[in-house]
Amino acid sequence: MSVDWINSLRTAVLFSAYIAVSCVGLFLIKSAGSWKSVTFLFGFSLYAGGAVMWMVILRLLPLSFAFPIAAGSLVIGTMLTGALFLKETVGVWQSVGAAMIVAGISLIAGTR
């Protein structure tokens, strides 16, 4: 296997894990009844774990590459989490904006 292919796969898995952990953490924080609840503490722990993963990403990748992908992906991830699990409404303009973010992420990721 090519080293470039392995590095691309590692990067994709790392970003996916970071986004999943962060979004689940945010969901649990938002859905917790109290900041003293187990749900809140677990969500906060996951979100903190996402912060540690972000530090790992920054050690491995240039900021100019990592930040736009992470920020855009988190916007999409939190929007989907809100829509799917918190029953929040996603409007047409939010969907158009999300599509533009995905296009931008594709352009940035394609340069690496």
N, C-alpha and C. Protein backbone atom coordinates (compact mmCIF):
# COMPACT_ATOMS: atom_id res chain seq x y z
N MET A 1 0.83 -1.19 0.00
CA MET A 1 0.00 0.00 0.00
C MET A 1 0.87 1.25 0.00
N SER A 2 0.35 2.28 -0.61
CA SER A 2 1.07 3.54 -0.68
C SER A 2 1.01 4.27 0.66
N VAL A 3 2.13 4.91 1.00
CA VAL A 3 2.18 5.67 2.25
C VAL A 3 1.21 6.85 2.21
N ASP A 4 1.06 7.50 1.04
CA ASP A 4 0.12 8.62 0.92
C ASP A 4 -1.31 8.18 1.20
N TRP A 5 -1.68 7.00 0.71
CA TRP A 5 -3.02 6.48 0.93
C TRP A 5 -3.26 6.20 2.40
N ILE A 6 -2.27 5.64 3.06
CA ILE A 6 -2.38 5.34 4.49
C ILE A 6 -2.48 6.63 5.29
N ASN A 7 -1.69 7.63 4.95
CA ASN A 7 -1.76 8.91 5.66
C ASN A 7 -3.11 9.59 5.45
N SER A 8 -3.65 9.51 4.24
CA SER A 8 -4.97 10.09 3.97
C SER A 8 -6.05 9.39 4.78
N LEU A 9 -5.96 8.06 4.85
CA LEU A 9 -6.93 7.29 5.63
C LEU A 9 -6.82 7.63 7.11
N ARG A 10 -5.60 7.72 7.62
CA ARG A 10 -5.38 8.07 9.03
C ARG A 10 -5.97 9.45 9.34
N THR A 11 -5.75 10.39 8.44
CA THR A 11 -6.28 11.74 8.63
C THR A 11 -7.80 11.73 8.64
N ALA A 12 -8.41 11.01 7.71
CA ALA A 12 -9.87 10.94 7.63
C ALA A 12 -10.46 10.29 8.89
N VAL A 13 -9.83 9.23 9.36
CA VAL A 13 -10.32 8.55 10.57
C VAL A 13 -10.17 9.45 11.79
N LEU A 14 -9.05 10.16 11.89
CA LEU A 14 -8.82 11.05 13.02
C LEU A 14 -9.83 12.20 13.04
N PHE A 15 -10.07 12.82 11.89
CA PHE A 15 -11.07 13.89 11.82
C PHE A 15 -12.47 13.36 12.13
N SER A 16 -12.80 12.19 11.60
CA SER A 16 -14.14 11.60 11.85
C SER A 16 -14.34 11.31 13.33
N ALA A 17 -13.32 10.74 13.96
CA ALA A 17 -13.42 10.45 15.40
C ALA A 17 -13.54 11.74 16.20
N TYR A 18 -12.76 12.76 15.84
CA TYR A 18 -12.82 14.05 16.53
C TYR A 18 -14.21 14.65 16.42
N ILE A 19 -14.77 14.63 15.24
CA ILE A 19 -16.09 15.23 15.02
C ILE A 19 -17.17 14.43 15.75
N ALA A 20 -17.09 13.10 15.68
CA ALA A 20 -18.09 12.27 16.35
C ALA A 20 -18.05 12.46 17.86
N VAL A 21 -16.86 12.41 18.44
CA VAL A 21 -16.72 12.57 19.90
C VAL A 21 -17.20 13.95 20.33
N SER A 22 -16.82 14.98 19.59
CA SER A 22 -17.23 16.34 19.95
C SER A 22 -18.74 16.53 19.83
N CYS A 23 -19.34 16.02 18.76
CA CYS A 23 -20.79 16.18 18.56
C CYS A 23 -21.59 15.39 19.59
N VAL A 24 -21.17 14.18 19.88
CA VAL A 24 -21.87 13.40 20.91
C VAL A 24 -21.74 14.08 22.27
N GLY A 25 -20.55 14.60 22.56
CA GLY A 25 -20.35 15.33 23.81
C GLY A 25 -21.27 16.54 23.91
N LEU A 26 -21.35 17.32 22.82
CA LEU A 26 -22.24 18.48 22.82
C LEU A 26 -23.70 18.08 22.97
N PHE A 27 -24.08 16.99 22.30
CA PHE A 27 -25.46 16.51 22.42
C PHE A 27 -25.79 16.14 23.87
N LEU A 28 -24.89 15.41 24.51
CA LEU A 28 -25.14 15.00 25.90
C LEU A 28 -25.17 16.20 26.84
N ILE A 29 -24.29 17.18 26.61
CA ILE A 29 -24.31 18.39 27.42
C ILE A 29 -25.64 19.11 27.26
N LYS A 30 -26.09 19.25 26.01
CA LYS A 30 -27.33 19.98 25.74
C LYS A 30 -28.56 19.24 26.28
N SER A 31 -28.54 17.92 26.21
CA SER A 31 -29.72 17.16 26.63
C SER A 31 -29.73 16.81 28.12
N ALA A 32 -28.67 17.13 28.83
CA ALA A 32 -28.62 16.83 30.27
C ALA A 32 -29.61 17.71 31.03
N GLY A 33 -30.20 17.13 32.04
CA GLY A 33 -31.16 17.87 32.85
C GLY A 33 -30.49 18.90 33.76
N SER A 34 -29.29 18.62 34.19
CA SER A 34 -28.58 19.48 35.13
C SER A 34 -27.09 19.34 34.87
N TRP A 35 -26.35 20.36 35.22
CA TRP A 35 -24.90 20.27 35.03
C TRP A 35 -24.26 19.33 36.04
N LYS A 36 -25.03 18.89 37.02
CA LYS A 36 -24.53 17.92 38.01
C LYS A 36 -24.88 16.48 37.63
N SER A 37 -25.56 16.28 36.52
CA SER A 37 -26.00 14.94 36.14
C SER A 37 -24.85 14.14 35.51
N VAL A 38 -25.03 12.84 35.52
CA VAL A 38 -24.05 11.93 34.90
C VAL A 38 -23.99 12.19 33.40
N THR A 39 -25.14 12.47 32.80
CA THR A 39 -25.18 12.74 31.36
C THR A 39 -24.32 13.95 31.02
N PHE A 40 -24.46 15.01 31.79
CA PHE A 40 -23.66 16.22 31.55
C PHE A 40 -22.17 15.92 31.73
N LEU A 41 -21.82 15.23 32.80
CA LEU A 41 -20.41 14.94 33.06
C LEU A 41 -19.81 14.04 31.99
N PHE A 42 -20.57 13.06 31.51
CA PHE A 42 -20.08 12.20 30.44
C PHE A 42 -19.92 13.00 29.15
N GLY A 43 -20.90 13.85 28.85
CA GLY A 43 -20.82 14.70 27.66
C GLY A 43 -19.63 15.65 27.74
N PHE A 44 -19.42 16.22 28.91
CA PHE A 44 -18.29 17.13 29.10
C PHE A 44 -16.97 16.37 28.92
N SER A 45 -16.91 15.15 29.43
CA SER A 45 -15.71 14.33 29.28
C SER A 45 -15.45 14.01 27.82
N LEU A 46 -16.49 13.68 27.08
CA LEU A 46 -16.31 13.43 25.65
C LEU A 46 -15.85 14.68 24.93
N TYR A 47 -16.45 15.81 25.26
CA TYR A 47 -16.07 17.06 24.61
C TYR A 47 -14.61 17.40 24.93
N ALA A 48 -14.19 17.16 26.17
CA ALA A 48 -12.79 17.36 26.54
C ALA A 48 -11.88 16.40 25.78
N GLY A 49 -12.35 15.17 25.59
CA GLY A 49 -11.61 14.21 24.78
C GLY A 49 -11.45 14.69 23.35
N GLY A 50 -12.49 15.34 22.83
CA GLY A 50 -12.41 15.94 21.51
C GLY A 50 -11.35 17.03 21.45
N ALA A 51 -11.23 17.79 22.52
CA ALA A 51 -10.20 18.84 22.58
C ALA A 51 -8.79 18.23 22.55
N VAL A 52 -8.63 17.10 23.22
CA VAL A 52 -7.33 16.41 23.19
C VAL A 52 -7.07 15.88 21.78
N MET A 53 -8.09 15.35 21.14
CA MET A 53 -7.92 14.88 19.77
C MET A 53 -7.55 16.03 18.83
N TRP A 54 -8.12 17.20 19.07
CA TRP A 54 -7.80 18.39 18.28
C TRP A 54 -6.31 18.72 18.43
N MET A 55 -5.79 18.61 19.62
CA MET A 55 -4.36 18.87 19.85
C MET A 55 -3.50 17.87 19.07
N VAL A 56 -3.94 16.63 19.02
CA VAL A 56 -3.21 15.62 18.25
C VAL A 56 -3.24 15.98 16.76
N ILE A 57 -4.41 16.37 16.28
CA ILE A 57 -4.54 16.77 14.88
C ILE A 57 -3.59 17.92 14.57
N LEU A 58 -3.52 18.90 15.47
CA LEU A 58 -2.64 20.05 15.24
C LEU A 58 -1.17 19.66 15.25
N ARG A 59 -0.82 18.63 15.99
CA ARG A 59 0.58 18.17 15.99
C ARG A 59 0.93 17.47 14.68
N LEU A 60 -0.06 16.87 14.03
CA LEU A 60 0.18 16.08 12.83
C LEU A 60 0.02 16.86 11.53
N LEU A 61 -0.81 17.90 11.54
CA LEU A 61 -1.17 18.58 10.30
C LEU A 61 -0.96 20.09 10.42
N PRO A 62 -0.72 20.76 9.30
CA PRO A 62 -0.61 22.22 9.33
C PRO A 62 -1.96 22.86 9.72
N LEU A 63 -1.89 23.93 10.48
CA LEU A 63 -3.10 24.63 10.93
C LEU A 63 -3.94 25.10 9.75
N SER A 64 -3.30 25.58 8.69
CA SER A 64 -4.04 26.10 7.53
C SER A 64 -4.83 25.01 6.82
N PHE A 65 -4.47 23.76 7.04
CA PHE A 65 -5.21 22.63 6.48
C PHE A 65 -6.24 22.11 7.48
N ALA A 66 -5.82 21.95 8.73
CA ALA A 66 -6.66 21.30 9.74
C ALA A 66 -7.84 22.17 10.18
N PHE A 67 -7.60 23.45 10.41
CA PHE A 67 -8.66 24.29 10.98
C PHE A 67 -9.88 24.42 10.08
N PRO A 68 -9.73 24.74 8.79
CA PRO A 68 -10.95 24.85 7.97
C PRO A 68 -11.74 23.56 7.90
N ILE A 69 -11.05 22.43 7.83
CA ILE A 69 -11.75 21.16 7.76
C ILE A 69 -12.47 20.86 9.08
N ALA A 70 -11.78 21.07 10.19
CA ALA A 70 -12.38 20.80 11.50
C ALA A 70 -13.56 21.73 11.77
N ALA A 71 -13.37 23.02 11.52
CA ALA A 71 -14.43 23.99 11.80
C ALA A 71 -15.66 23.72 10.93
N GLY A 72 -15.44 23.50 9.65
CA GLY A 72 -16.56 23.23 8.75
C GLY A 72 -17.26 21.93 9.08
N SER A 73 -16.47 20.92 9.39
CA SER A 73 -17.06 19.62 9.73
C SER A 73 -17.85 19.68 11.03
N LEU A 74 -17.37 20.45 11.99
CA LEU A 74 -18.12 20.59 13.25
C LEU A 74 -19.43 21.34 13.03
N VAL A 75 -19.43 22.32 12.13
CA VAL A 75 -20.68 23.02 11.82
C VAL A 75 -21.69 22.03 11.25
N ILE A 76 -21.24 21.23 10.30
CA ILE A 76 -22.13 20.23 9.69
C ILE A 76 -22.56 19.20 10.74
N GLY A 77 -21.60 18.71 11.52
CA GLY A 77 -21.91 17.69 12.53
C GLY A 77 -22.89 18.18 13.58
N THR A 78 -22.71 19.40 14.07
CA THR A 78 -23.64 19.91 15.08
C THR A 78 -25.01 20.20 14.47
N MET A 79 -25.03 20.64 13.22
CA MET A 79 -26.32 20.88 12.57
C MET A 79 -27.08 19.56 12.41
N LEU A 80 -26.39 18.52 11.98
CA LEU A 80 -27.04 17.21 11.83
C LEU A 80 -27.45 16.63 13.18
N THR A 81 -26.61 16.79 14.18
CA THR A 81 -26.95 16.31 15.53
C THR A 81 -28.20 17.01 16.04
N GLY A 82 -28.25 18.32 15.87
CA GLY A 82 -29.43 19.07 16.30
C GLY A 82 -30.69 18.65 15.57
N ALA A 83 -30.56 18.45 14.26
CA ALA A 83 -31.73 18.07 13.46
C ALA A 83 -32.19 16.65 13.77
N LEU A 84 -31.25 15.72 13.88
CA LEU A 84 -31.63 14.32 14.05
C LEU A 84 -32.02 13.95 15.47
N PHE A 85 -31.34 14.51 16.45
CA PHE A 85 -31.55 14.06 17.83
C PHE A 85 -32.26 15.07 18.71
N LEU A 86 -32.14 16.35 18.38
CA LEU A 86 -32.78 17.38 19.21
C LEU A 86 -34.01 17.97 18.53
N LYS A 87 -34.35 17.43 17.36
CA LYS A 87 -35.53 17.85 16.59
C LYS A 87 -35.51 19.34 16.25
N GLU A 88 -34.32 19.89 16.02
CA GLU A 88 -34.20 21.28 15.60
C GLU A 88 -34.49 21.37 14.10
N THR A 89 -35.02 22.49 13.67
CA THR A 89 -35.35 22.69 12.27
C THR A 89 -34.14 23.21 11.51
N VAL A 90 -33.89 22.61 10.35
CA VAL A 90 -32.83 23.07 9.46
C VAL A 90 -33.51 23.66 8.23
N GLY A 91 -33.31 24.95 8.02
CA GLY A 91 -33.95 25.64 6.91
C GLY A 91 -33.20 25.48 5.60
N VAL A 92 -33.79 26.03 4.56
CA VAL A 92 -33.21 25.95 3.23
C VAL A 92 -31.85 26.64 3.19
N TRP A 93 -31.75 27.82 3.76
CA TRP A 93 -30.50 28.56 3.71
C TRP A 93 -29.41 27.88 4.53
N GLN A 94 -29.79 27.24 5.62
CA GLN A 94 -28.81 26.47 6.38
C GLN A 94 -28.30 25.29 5.55
N SER A 95 -29.19 24.66 4.82
CA SER A 95 -28.79 23.54 3.96
C SER A 95 -27.88 24.01 2.84
N VAL A 96 -28.20 25.16 2.25
CA VAL A 96 -27.34 25.73 1.20
C VAL A 96 -25.97 26.07 1.78
N GLY A 97 -25.95 26.67 2.95
CA GLY A 97 -24.68 26.98 3.61
C GLY A 97 -23.88 25.73 3.93
N ALA A 98 -24.56 24.69 4.37
CA ALA A 98 -23.87 23.42 4.67
C ALA A 98 -23.27 22.83 3.40
N ALA A 99 -23.99 22.91 2.30
CA ALA A 99 -23.47 22.40 1.02
C ALA A 99 -22.24 23.19 0.59
N MET A 100 -22.25 24.49 0.83
CA MET A 100 -21.09 25.32 0.49
C MET A 100 -19.89 24.95 1.38
N ILE A 101 -20.16 24.66 2.64
CA ILE A 101 -19.09 24.25 3.55
C ILE A 101 -18.48 22.93 3.08
N VAL A 102 -19.34 21.98 2.70
CA VAL A 102 -18.85 20.69 2.21
C VAL A 102 -18.00 20.88 0.95
N ALA A 103 -18.45 21.77 0.06
CA ALA A 103 -17.67 22.05 -1.15
C ALA A 103 -16.31 22.64 -0.79
N GLY A 104 -16.29 23.55 0.16
CA GLY A 104 -15.03 24.15 0.59
C GLY A 104 -14.09 23.15 1.24
N ILE A 105 -14.65 22.28 2.06
CA ILE A 105 -13.84 21.22 2.70
C ILE A 105 -13.25 20.31 1.62
N SER A 106 -14.05 19.99 0.61
CA SER A 106 -13.56 19.13 -0.48
C SER A 106 -12.41 19.79 -1.21
N LEU A 107 -12.52 21.09 -1.46
CA LEU A 107 -11.44 21.79 -2.14
C LEU A 107 -10.17 21.81 -1.31
N ILE A 108 -10.31 22.07 -0.02
CA ILE A 108 -9.13 22.13 0.86
C ILE A 108 -8.51 20.74 1.00
N ALA A 109 -9.34 19.73 1.23
CA ALA A 109 -8.83 18.37 1.40
C ALA A 109 -8.18 17.86 0.11
N GLY A 110 -8.68 18.31 -1.03
CA GLY A 110 -8.11 17.89 -2.30
C GLY A 110 -6.73 18.45 -2.58
N THR A 111 -6.33 19.48 -1.86
CA THR A 111 -5.02 20.08 -2.08
C THR A 111 -3.91 19.34 -1.33
N ARG A 112 -4.28 18.41 -0.51
CA ARG A 112 -3.28 17.70 0.31
C ARG A 112 -2.96 16.36 -0.30
